[in-house]
Amino acid sequence: MFDREEYEYFLADLQEYGKTRLEQAKLTVLDKLARIAGLILLGLTVILIIFAVIAVGGVALISALSSCMPVWAAALIVAALWLLILLVVVCFRKQLFFNPMLAAVAAILFSSKPKNNLTIESVRQESEMLQYKASEQEKNLQRETERIQRSWTGLLDHFVSARNLIEKIVKRFFHF
């Protein structure tokens, strides 16, 4: 059926195809690892910037509060505020960090290149699906925003109560 020359040609083509597929797999892995590394570096950069803002904001808040109370008391209030924020972040760590990071890494790892055989119908269907997903995400975001606003309102009420209690204690003991 095949003569020796055709068989050797077929084997050479098969080896070349295997090498090409291997190189393509290597490039795909490299691309995905590069995108994951970029995502991690972006996360670290954002964390460092947030830390800098928190540090500068803390110093500014201490400075502002020190005009109406001793510096040590202002520093303790700011420290308590940061501790409270830390507790909230720890409680919601999955929603704030793990779930978005896992979703981003999964999207990178399990995504494939879009196929080139697009039709008007497929584009329309994709557009409708994206609009539906966007509206659902907007509804979820609105519900989450309302829940967070209620939480912050309750938290601020507790802060006002605590502030009033501290003022009464300070007035009573220091006769201001």
N, C-alpha and C. Protein backbone atom coordinates (compact mmCIF):
# COMPACT_ATOMS: atom_id res chain seq x y z
N MET A 1 0.83 -1.18 0.00
CA MET A 1 0.00 0.00 0.00
C MET A 1 0.89 1.26 0.00
N PHE A 2 1.70 1.44 1.05
CA PHE A 2 2.62 2.57 1.10
C PHE A 2 4.01 2.05 0.76
N ASP A 3 4.72 2.78 -0.04
CA ASP A 3 6.11 2.39 -0.21
C ASP A 3 6.95 3.04 0.87
N ARG A 4 8.19 2.67 0.95
CA ARG A 4 9.07 3.10 2.05
C ARG A 4 9.20 4.63 2.09
N GLU A 5 9.31 5.26 0.96
CA GLU A 5 9.49 6.71 0.90
C GLU A 5 8.25 7.43 1.45
N GLU A 6 7.07 6.99 1.08
CA GLU A 6 5.84 7.59 1.59
C GLU A 6 5.70 7.36 3.09
N TYR A 7 6.09 6.20 3.54
CA TYR A 7 6.03 5.88 4.96
C TYR A 7 6.96 6.79 5.76
N GLU A 8 8.18 7.00 5.29
CA GLU A 8 9.14 7.88 5.95
C GLU A 8 8.62 9.33 5.94
N TYR A 9 8.03 9.73 4.83
CA TYR A 9 7.45 11.07 4.73
C TYR A 9 6.32 11.24 5.73
N PHE A 10 5.46 10.21 5.84
CA PHE A 10 4.36 10.22 6.79
C PHE A 10 4.88 10.30 8.22
N LEU A 11 5.90 9.52 8.57
CA LEU A 11 6.49 9.56 9.92
C LEU A 11 7.12 10.93 10.22
N ALA A 12 7.78 11.52 9.25
CA ALA A 12 8.38 12.85 9.43
C ALA A 12 7.29 13.89 9.68
N ASP A 13 6.21 13.81 8.92
CA ASP A 13 5.08 14.73 9.14
C ASP A 13 4.46 14.53 10.51
N LEU A 14 4.33 13.27 10.89
CA LEU A 14 3.75 12.97 12.21
C LEU A 14 4.63 13.50 13.33
N GLN A 15 5.93 13.36 13.21
CA GLN A 15 6.86 13.90 14.21
C GLN A 15 6.79 15.42 14.24
N GLU A 16 6.74 16.04 13.09
CA GLU A 16 6.65 17.51 13.03
C GLU A 16 5.35 17.99 13.66
N TYR A 17 4.25 17.27 13.38
CA TYR A 17 2.97 17.62 13.98
C TYR A 17 3.04 17.49 15.50
N GLY A 18 3.64 16.41 16.00
CA GLY A 18 3.79 16.22 17.45
C GLY A 18 4.61 17.32 18.08
N LYS A 19 5.70 17.71 17.43
CA LYS A 19 6.54 18.81 17.95
C LYS A 19 5.76 20.12 17.97
N THR A 20 5.01 20.36 16.91
CA THR A 20 4.22 21.59 16.84
C THR A 20 3.17 21.64 17.94
N ARG A 21 2.49 20.52 18.15
CA ARG A 21 1.47 20.45 19.22
C ARG A 21 2.11 20.66 20.59
N LEU A 22 3.28 20.07 20.81
CA LEU A 22 3.98 20.23 22.08
C LEU A 22 4.37 21.70 22.29
N GLU A 23 4.88 22.33 21.25
CA GLU A 23 5.25 23.74 21.36
C GLU A 23 4.01 24.61 21.61
N GLN A 24 2.91 24.27 20.96
CA GLN A 24 1.66 25.01 21.19
C GLN A 24 1.20 24.83 22.62
N ALA A 25 1.29 23.64 23.17
CA ALA A 25 0.90 23.40 24.56
C ALA A 25 1.81 24.18 25.51
N LYS A 26 3.10 24.20 25.22
CA LYS A 26 4.04 24.97 26.06
C LYS A 26 3.69 26.46 26.04
N LEU A 27 3.40 26.98 24.85
CA LEU A 27 3.04 28.40 24.75
C LEU A 27 1.73 28.70 25.47
N THR A 28 0.77 27.80 25.39
CA THR A 28 -0.49 27.99 26.09
C THR A 28 -0.28 28.02 27.60
N VAL A 29 0.52 27.08 28.11
CA VAL A 29 0.83 27.06 29.54
C VAL A 29 1.57 28.33 29.95
N LEU A 30 2.54 28.74 29.13
CA LEU A 30 3.30 29.95 29.44
C LEU A 30 2.39 31.18 29.46
N ASP A 31 1.47 31.27 28.50
CA ASP A 31 0.54 32.39 28.46
C ASP A 31 -0.33 32.42 29.72
N LYS A 32 -0.85 31.26 30.11
CA LYS A 32 -1.72 31.21 31.28
C LYS A 32 -0.94 31.52 32.55
N LEU A 33 0.28 31.01 32.67
CA LEU A 33 1.10 31.31 33.85
C LEU A 33 1.45 32.80 33.91
N ALA A 34 1.72 33.39 32.76
CA ALA A 34 2.03 34.82 32.73
C ALA A 34 0.82 35.65 33.15
N ARG A 35 -0.37 35.25 32.70
CA ARG A 35 -1.58 35.99 33.11
C ARG A 35 -1.86 35.82 34.60
N ILE A 36 -1.62 34.62 35.14
CA ILE A 36 -1.82 34.40 36.58
C ILE A 36 -0.80 35.20 37.37
N ALA A 37 0.46 35.21 36.92
CA ALA A 37 1.50 36.01 37.61
C ALA A 37 1.14 37.49 37.57
N GLY A 38 0.64 37.96 36.44
CA GLY A 38 0.21 39.36 36.34
C GLY A 38 -0.93 39.66 37.28
N LEU A 39 -1.86 38.73 37.42
CA LEU A 39 -2.98 38.90 38.34
C LEU A 39 -2.48 38.97 39.79
N ILE A 40 -1.53 38.12 40.13
CA ILE A 40 -0.98 38.13 41.49
C ILE A 40 -0.22 39.43 41.74
N LEU A 41 0.57 39.88 40.78
CA LEU A 41 1.30 41.14 40.94
C LEU A 41 0.35 42.32 41.06
N LEU A 42 -0.73 42.30 40.30
CA LEU A 42 -1.73 43.37 40.42
C LEU A 42 -2.33 43.35 41.82
N GLY A 43 -2.66 42.16 42.32
CA GLY A 43 -3.21 42.06 43.67
C GLY A 43 -2.26 42.58 44.72
N LEU A 44 -0.98 42.22 44.62
CA LEU A 44 0.01 42.72 45.58
C LEU A 44 0.17 44.23 45.50
N THR A 45 0.15 44.76 44.28
CA THR A 45 0.26 46.22 44.11
C THR A 45 -0.93 46.93 44.75
N VAL A 46 -2.11 46.41 44.52
CA VAL A 46 -3.32 47.01 45.11
C VAL A 46 -3.25 46.94 46.63
N ILE A 47 -2.80 45.81 47.17
CA ILE A 47 -2.69 45.67 48.62
C ILE A 47 -1.69 46.69 49.19
N LEU A 48 -0.54 46.87 48.52
CA LEU A 48 0.44 47.84 48.99
C LEU A 48 -0.10 49.27 48.94
N ILE A 49 -0.83 49.59 47.89
CA ILE A 49 -1.40 50.94 47.78
C ILE A 49 -2.46 51.14 48.86
N ILE A 50 -3.29 50.14 49.10
CA ILE A 50 -4.30 50.25 50.15
C ILE A 50 -3.63 50.42 51.51
N PHE A 51 -2.56 49.67 51.75
CA PHE A 51 -1.83 49.80 53.02
C PHE A 51 -1.28 51.21 53.18
N ALA A 52 -0.72 51.78 52.12
CA ALA A 52 -0.19 53.14 52.19
C ALA A 52 -1.31 54.15 52.49
N VAL A 53 -2.46 53.97 51.84
CA VAL A 53 -3.59 54.87 52.08
C VAL A 53 -4.07 54.75 53.53
N ILE A 54 -4.13 53.53 54.03
CA ILE A 54 -4.57 53.31 55.41
C ILE A 54 -3.58 53.95 56.39
N ALA A 55 -2.30 53.79 56.13
CA ALA A 55 -1.30 54.36 57.02
C ALA A 55 -1.39 55.89 57.04
N VAL A 56 -1.44 56.49 55.88
CA VAL A 56 -1.52 57.95 55.81
C VAL A 56 -2.85 58.44 56.37
N GLY A 57 -3.93 57.73 56.06
CA GLY A 57 -5.24 58.10 56.60
C GLY A 57 -5.28 57.99 58.11
N GLY A 58 -4.63 56.97 58.66
CA GLY A 58 -4.57 56.81 60.11
C GLY A 58 -3.84 57.96 60.78
N VAL A 59 -2.71 58.35 60.20
CA VAL A 59 -1.95 59.48 60.75
C VAL A 59 -2.77 60.76 60.67
N ALA A 60 -3.45 60.96 59.54
CA ALA A 60 -4.29 62.16 59.39
C ALA A 60 -5.44 62.16 60.38
N LEU A 61 -6.06 61.00 60.60
CA LEU A 61 -7.17 60.90 61.54
C LEU A 61 -6.69 61.14 62.97
N ILE A 62 -5.54 60.61 63.32
CA ILE A 62 -4.97 60.85 64.65
C ILE A 62 -4.70 62.34 64.83
N SER A 63 -4.15 62.96 63.80
CA SER A 63 -3.86 64.39 63.87
C SER A 63 -5.15 65.20 64.05
N ALA A 64 -6.19 64.83 63.33
CA ALA A 64 -7.45 65.56 63.43
C ALA A 64 -8.09 65.35 64.81
N LEU A 65 -8.06 64.12 65.31
CA LEU A 65 -8.67 63.85 66.61
C LEU A 65 -7.86 64.43 67.77
N SER A 66 -6.55 64.61 67.57
CA SER A 66 -5.72 65.10 68.66
C SER A 66 -6.00 66.56 69.00
N SER A 67 -6.75 67.25 68.15
CA SER A 67 -7.10 68.63 68.45
C SER A 67 -8.17 68.71 69.55
N CYS A 68 -8.93 67.61 69.75
CA CYS A 68 -9.98 67.65 70.77
C CYS A 68 -9.76 66.61 71.87
N MET A 69 -8.66 65.89 71.85
CA MET A 69 -8.36 64.90 72.90
C MET A 69 -6.87 64.64 72.89
N PRO A 70 -6.36 63.97 73.92
CA PRO A 70 -4.93 63.65 73.93
C PRO A 70 -4.55 62.77 72.74
N VAL A 71 -3.30 62.87 72.32
CA VAL A 71 -2.83 62.12 71.17
C VAL A 71 -2.96 60.62 71.40
N TRP A 72 -2.65 60.17 72.61
CA TRP A 72 -2.72 58.73 72.88
C TRP A 72 -4.16 58.20 72.73
N ALA A 73 -5.14 59.02 73.14
CA ALA A 73 -6.54 58.60 73.01
C ALA A 73 -6.95 58.56 71.54
N ALA A 74 -6.50 59.55 70.78
CA ALA A 74 -6.79 59.56 69.34
C ALA A 74 -6.16 58.35 68.66
N ALA A 75 -4.93 58.01 69.06
CA ALA A 75 -4.26 56.84 68.48
C ALA A 75 -5.01 55.56 68.84
N LEU A 76 -5.51 55.46 70.07
CA LEU A 76 -6.26 54.27 70.46
C LEU A 76 -7.58 54.16 69.68
N ILE A 77 -8.24 55.26 69.45
CA ILE A 77 -9.49 55.25 68.68
C ILE A 77 -9.22 54.81 67.24
N VAL A 78 -8.17 55.33 66.63
CA VAL A 78 -7.82 54.95 65.27
C VAL A 78 -7.42 53.48 65.21
N ALA A 79 -6.67 53.02 66.21
CA ALA A 79 -6.28 51.61 66.25
C ALA A 79 -7.52 50.72 66.38
N ALA A 80 -8.46 51.12 67.19
CA ALA A 80 -9.70 50.34 67.34
C ALA A 80 -10.49 50.33 66.03
N LEU A 81 -10.50 51.45 65.33
CA LEU A 81 -11.18 51.52 64.04
C LEU A 81 -10.54 50.56 63.04
N TRP A 82 -9.19 50.56 62.97
CA TRP A 82 -8.50 49.65 62.04
C TRP A 82 -8.71 48.20 62.45
N LEU A 83 -8.77 47.94 63.75
CA LEU A 83 -9.03 46.58 64.20
C LEU A 83 -10.43 46.13 63.78
N LEU A 84 -11.39 47.02 63.88
CA LEU A 84 -12.75 46.70 63.46
C LEU A 84 -12.80 46.43 61.95
N ILE A 85 -12.11 47.24 61.18
CA ILE A 85 -12.06 47.03 59.73
C ILE A 85 -11.37 45.70 59.42
N LEU A 86 -10.31 45.38 60.16
CA LEU A 86 -9.64 44.10 59.98
C LEU A 86 -10.58 42.93 60.26
N LEU A 87 -11.36 43.05 61.31
CA LEU A 87 -12.31 41.98 61.64
C LEU A 87 -13.36 41.81 60.53
N VAL A 88 -13.84 42.91 59.98
CA VAL A 88 -14.81 42.83 58.89
C VAL A 88 -14.18 42.16 57.67
N VAL A 89 -12.93 42.54 57.35
CA VAL A 89 -12.24 41.95 56.20
C VAL A 89 -12.01 40.46 56.43
N VAL A 90 -11.63 40.08 57.65
CA VAL A 90 -11.41 38.66 57.94
C VAL A 90 -12.72 37.89 57.82
N CYS A 91 -13.80 38.47 58.30
CA CYS A 91 -15.09 37.78 58.22
C CYS A 91 -15.56 37.60 56.77
N PHE A 92 -15.26 38.54 55.92
CA PHE A 92 -15.70 38.48 54.53
C PHE A 92 -14.56 38.16 53.57
N ARG A 93 -13.52 37.47 54.05
CA ARG A 93 -12.35 37.20 53.23
C ARG A 93 -12.68 36.36 51.99
N LYS A 94 -13.60 35.42 52.12
CA LYS A 94 -13.93 34.59 50.96
C LYS A 94 -14.59 35.43 49.87
N GLN A 95 -15.54 36.29 50.27
CA GLN A 95 -16.25 37.10 49.29
C GLN A 95 -15.33 38.19 48.70
N LEU A 96 -14.39 38.70 49.51
CA LEU A 96 -13.54 39.79 49.04
C LEU A 96 -12.32 39.31 48.27
N PHE A 97 -11.73 38.17 48.66
CA PHE A 97 -10.46 37.77 48.08
C PHE A 97 -10.49 36.41 47.39
N PHE A 98 -10.90 35.37 48.11
CA PHE A 98 -10.77 34.01 47.59
C PHE A 98 -11.67 33.77 46.37
N ASN A 99 -12.93 34.11 46.48
CA ASN A 99 -13.85 33.83 45.36
C ASN A 99 -13.47 34.60 44.09
N PRO A 100 -13.18 35.91 44.17
CA PRO A 100 -12.78 36.61 42.94
C PRO A 100 -11.45 36.09 42.37
N MET A 101 -10.49 35.78 43.26
CA MET A 101 -9.20 35.28 42.78
C MET A 101 -9.37 33.91 42.14
N LEU A 102 -10.15 33.05 42.78
CA LEU A 102 -10.38 31.71 42.24
C LEU A 102 -11.10 31.80 40.89
N ALA A 103 -12.08 32.68 40.79
CA ALA A 103 -12.80 32.85 39.53
C ALA A 103 -11.87 33.36 38.43
N ALA A 104 -11.00 34.30 38.77
CA ALA A 104 -10.08 34.84 37.77
C ALA A 104 -9.08 33.78 37.31
N VAL A 105 -8.53 33.02 38.25
CA VAL A 105 -7.56 31.98 37.89
C VAL A 105 -8.26 30.88 37.08
N ALA A 106 -9.46 30.50 37.48
CA ALA A 106 -10.20 29.48 36.73
C ALA A 106 -10.51 29.97 35.31
N ALA A 107 -10.88 31.24 35.18
CA ALA A 107 -11.14 31.78 33.84
C ALA A 107 -9.88 31.74 32.98
N ILE A 108 -8.74 32.00 33.60
CA ILE A 108 -7.48 31.95 32.85
C ILE A 108 -7.14 30.51 32.47
N LEU A 109 -7.26 29.61 33.43
CA LEU A 109 -6.85 28.23 33.19
C LEU A 109 -7.79 27.49 32.23
N PHE A 110 -9.08 27.72 32.36
CA PHE A 110 -10.03 26.92 31.60
C PHE A 110 -10.63 27.64 30.40
N SER A 111 -10.10 28.79 30.06
CA SER A 111 -10.61 29.50 28.89
C SER A 111 -9.93 28.94 27.64
N SER A 112 -10.63 29.01 26.56
CA SER A 112 -10.04 28.62 25.28
C SER A 112 -10.25 29.76 24.31
N LYS A 113 -9.48 29.76 23.28
CA LYS A 113 -9.59 30.83 22.29
C LYS A 113 -10.95 30.74 21.60
N PRO A 114 -11.59 31.87 21.34
CA PRO A 114 -12.88 31.82 20.64
C PRO A 114 -12.69 31.31 19.21
N LYS A 115 -13.69 30.59 18.73
CA LYS A 115 -13.63 30.06 17.37
C LYS A 115 -13.97 31.16 16.38
N ASN A 116 -13.43 31.01 15.18
CA ASN A 116 -13.60 32.04 14.17
C ASN A 116 -14.87 31.91 13.37
N ASN A 117 -15.65 30.85 13.58
CA ASN A 117 -16.86 30.67 12.78
C ASN A 117 -18.06 31.35 13.46
N LEU A 118 -17.98 32.69 13.55
CA LEU A 118 -19.07 33.47 14.13
C LEU A 118 -20.14 33.74 13.08
N THR A 119 -21.37 33.65 13.52
CA THR A 119 -22.48 34.02 12.65
C THR A 119 -23.24 35.14 13.33
N ILE A 120 -24.11 35.78 12.58
CA ILE A 120 -24.91 36.86 13.16
C ILE A 120 -25.77 36.32 14.29
N GLU A 121 -26.31 35.12 14.09
CA GLU A 121 -27.16 34.51 15.12
C GLU A 121 -26.37 34.21 16.40
N SER A 122 -25.15 33.68 16.24
CA SER A 122 -24.36 33.36 17.44
C SER A 122 -23.95 34.64 18.18
N VAL A 123 -23.64 35.69 17.43
CA VAL A 123 -23.29 36.97 18.06
C VAL A 123 -24.51 37.54 18.79
N ARG A 124 -25.70 37.44 18.17
CA ARG A 124 -26.92 37.93 18.81
C ARG A 124 -27.20 37.15 20.08
N GLN A 125 -27.06 35.83 20.02
CA GLN A 125 -27.30 35.01 21.21
C GLN A 125 -26.30 35.33 22.32
N GLU A 126 -25.05 35.50 21.93
CA GLU A 126 -24.02 35.85 22.92
C GLU A 126 -24.32 37.21 23.55
N SER A 127 -24.76 38.16 22.72
CA SER A 127 -25.11 39.49 23.21
C SER A 127 -26.27 39.43 24.19
N GLU A 128 -27.29 38.64 23.86
CA GLU A 128 -28.44 38.50 24.76
C GLU A 128 -28.02 37.85 26.08
N MET A 129 -27.15 36.84 26.00
CA MET A 129 -26.67 36.17 27.21
C MET A 129 -25.87 37.13 28.09
N LEU A 130 -25.02 37.94 27.46
CA LEU A 130 -24.24 38.91 28.22
C LEU A 130 -25.13 39.97 28.87
N GLN A 131 -26.17 40.41 28.14
CA GLN A 131 -27.10 41.38 28.71
C GLN A 131 -27.84 40.78 29.90
N TYR A 132 -28.25 39.53 29.78
CA TYR A 132 -28.94 38.85 30.89
C TYR A 132 -28.01 38.72 32.09
N LYS A 133 -26.78 38.29 31.85
CA LYS A 133 -25.82 38.15 32.95
C LYS A 133 -25.54 39.51 33.60
N ALA A 134 -25.42 40.55 32.79
CA ALA A 134 -25.16 41.88 33.32
C ALA A 134 -26.33 42.37 34.18
N SER A 135 -27.55 42.11 33.73
CA SER A 135 -28.70 42.55 34.53
C SER A 135 -28.79 41.77 35.84
N GLU A 136 -28.49 40.46 35.79
CA GLU A 136 -28.49 39.66 37.03
C GLU A 136 -27.39 40.14 37.97
N GLN A 137 -26.22 40.43 37.44
CA GLN A 137 -25.14 40.92 38.29
C GLN A 137 -25.48 42.28 38.87
N GLU A 138 -26.16 43.12 38.09
CA GLU A 138 -26.56 44.44 38.59
C GLU A 138 -27.57 44.28 39.74
N LYS A 139 -28.52 43.36 39.59
CA LYS A 139 -29.49 43.11 40.66
C LYS A 139 -28.79 42.60 41.92
N ASN A 140 -27.88 41.66 41.74
CA ASN A 140 -27.13 41.14 42.88
C ASN A 140 -26.30 42.23 43.54
N LEU A 141 -25.70 43.08 42.73
CA LEU A 141 -24.90 44.18 43.26
C LEU A 141 -25.76 45.17 44.03
N GLN A 142 -26.95 45.46 43.54
CA GLN A 142 -27.85 46.35 44.25
C GLN A 142 -28.26 45.75 45.60
N ARG A 143 -28.59 44.45 45.61
CA ARG A 143 -28.94 43.79 46.87
C ARG A 143 -27.78 43.83 47.85
N GLU A 144 -26.59 43.55 47.36
CA GLU A 144 -25.41 43.55 48.23
C GLU A 144 -25.11 44.96 48.74
N THR A 145 -25.30 45.96 47.88
CA THR A 145 -25.09 47.36 48.29
C THR A 145 -26.07 47.74 49.40
N GLU A 146 -27.32 47.36 49.24
CA GLU A 146 -28.32 47.66 50.27
C GLU A 146 -27.97 46.95 51.59
N ARG A 147 -27.52 45.71 51.51
CA ARG A 147 -27.14 44.96 52.71
C ARG A 147 -25.95 45.62 53.40
N ILE A 148 -24.97 46.06 52.62
CA ILE A 148 -23.80 46.71 53.19
C ILE A 148 -24.18 48.05 53.81
N GLN A 149 -25.06 48.80 53.15
CA GLN A 149 -25.50 50.08 53.70
C GLN A 149 -26.20 49.88 55.04
N ARG A 150 -27.05 48.84 55.14
CA ARG A 150 -27.69 48.55 56.42
C ARG A 150 -26.66 48.19 57.48
N SER A 151 -25.67 47.40 57.10
CA SER A 151 -24.62 47.00 58.04
C SER A 151 -23.84 48.22 58.53
N TRP A 152 -23.47 49.10 57.59
CA TRP A 152 -22.70 50.28 57.98
C TRP A 152 -23.53 51.23 58.85
N THR A 153 -24.82 51.34 58.54
CA THR A 153 -25.69 52.19 59.36
C THR A 153 -25.72 51.67 60.79
N GLY A 154 -25.87 50.37 60.95
CA GLY A 154 -25.86 49.77 62.29
C GLY A 154 -24.52 49.97 62.96
N LEU A 155 -23.43 49.82 62.20
CA LEU A 155 -22.10 50.00 62.76
C LEU A 155 -21.88 51.43 63.20
N LEU A 156 -22.33 52.38 62.40
CA LEU A 156 -22.18 53.80 62.77
C LEU A 156 -23.01 54.12 64.01
N ASP A 157 -24.18 53.53 64.12
CA ASP A 157 -24.99 53.73 65.33
C ASP A 157 -24.24 53.24 66.56
N HIS A 158 -23.57 52.10 66.44
CA HIS A 158 -22.77 51.60 67.56
C HIS A 158 -21.61 52.53 67.89
N PHE A 159 -20.97 53.09 66.86
CA PHE A 159 -19.87 54.03 67.10
C PHE A 159 -20.36 55.28 67.82
N VAL A 160 -21.52 55.79 67.41
CA VAL A 160 -22.07 56.98 68.06
C VAL A 160 -22.39 56.67 69.51
N SER A 161 -22.96 55.52 69.78
CA SER A 161 -23.26 55.12 71.15
C SER A 161 -21.98 55.00 71.97
N ALA A 162 -20.97 54.39 71.38
CA ALA A 162 -19.69 54.24 72.09
C ALA A 162 -19.05 55.60 72.32
N ARG A 163 -19.13 56.48 71.33
CA ARG A 163 -18.56 57.81 71.49
C ARG A 163 -19.26 58.57 72.62
N ASN A 164 -20.59 58.49 72.65
CA ASN A 164 -21.34 59.15 73.72
C ASN A 164 -20.96 58.59 75.09
N LEU A 165 -20.80 57.29 75.19
CA LEU A 165 -20.40 56.66 76.44
C LEU A 165 -19.01 57.11 76.86
N ILE A 166 -18.08 57.17 75.91
CA ILE A 166 -16.72 57.61 76.22
C ILE A 166 -16.73 59.07 76.67
N GLU A 167 -17.53 59.91 76.01
CA GLU A 167 -17.62 61.31 76.41
C GLU A 167 -18.15 61.44 77.84
N LYS A 168 -19.15 60.67 78.19
CA LYS A 168 -19.69 60.71 79.55
C LYS A 168 -18.65 60.28 80.57
N ILE A 169 -17.91 59.21 80.24
CA ILE A 169 -16.88 58.73 81.17
C ILE A 169 -15.78 59.76 81.33
N VAL A 170 -15.33 60.33 80.21
CA VAL A 170 -14.27 61.33 80.27
C VAL A 170 -14.74 62.55 81.05
N LYS A 171 -15.95 63.02 80.83
CA LYS A 171 -16.47 64.17 81.55
C LYS A 171 -16.59 63.89 83.04
N ARG A 172 -17.00 62.69 83.36
CA ARG A 172 -17.20 62.34 84.76
C ARG A 172 -15.87 62.25 85.52
N PHE A 173 -14.88 61.59 84.91
CA PHE A 173 -13.61 61.40 85.59
C PHE A 173 -12.66 62.57 85.48
N PHE A 174 -12.75 63.32 84.42
CA PHE A 174 -11.79 64.42 84.23
C PHE A 174 -12.46 65.78 84.41
N HIS A 175 -13.74 65.83 84.68
CA HIS A 175 -14.51 67.05 84.99
C HIS A 175 -14.33 68.12 83.90
N PHE A 176 -14.61 67.75 82.66
CA PHE A 176 -14.53 68.70 81.54
C PHE A 176 -15.78 69.52 81.46
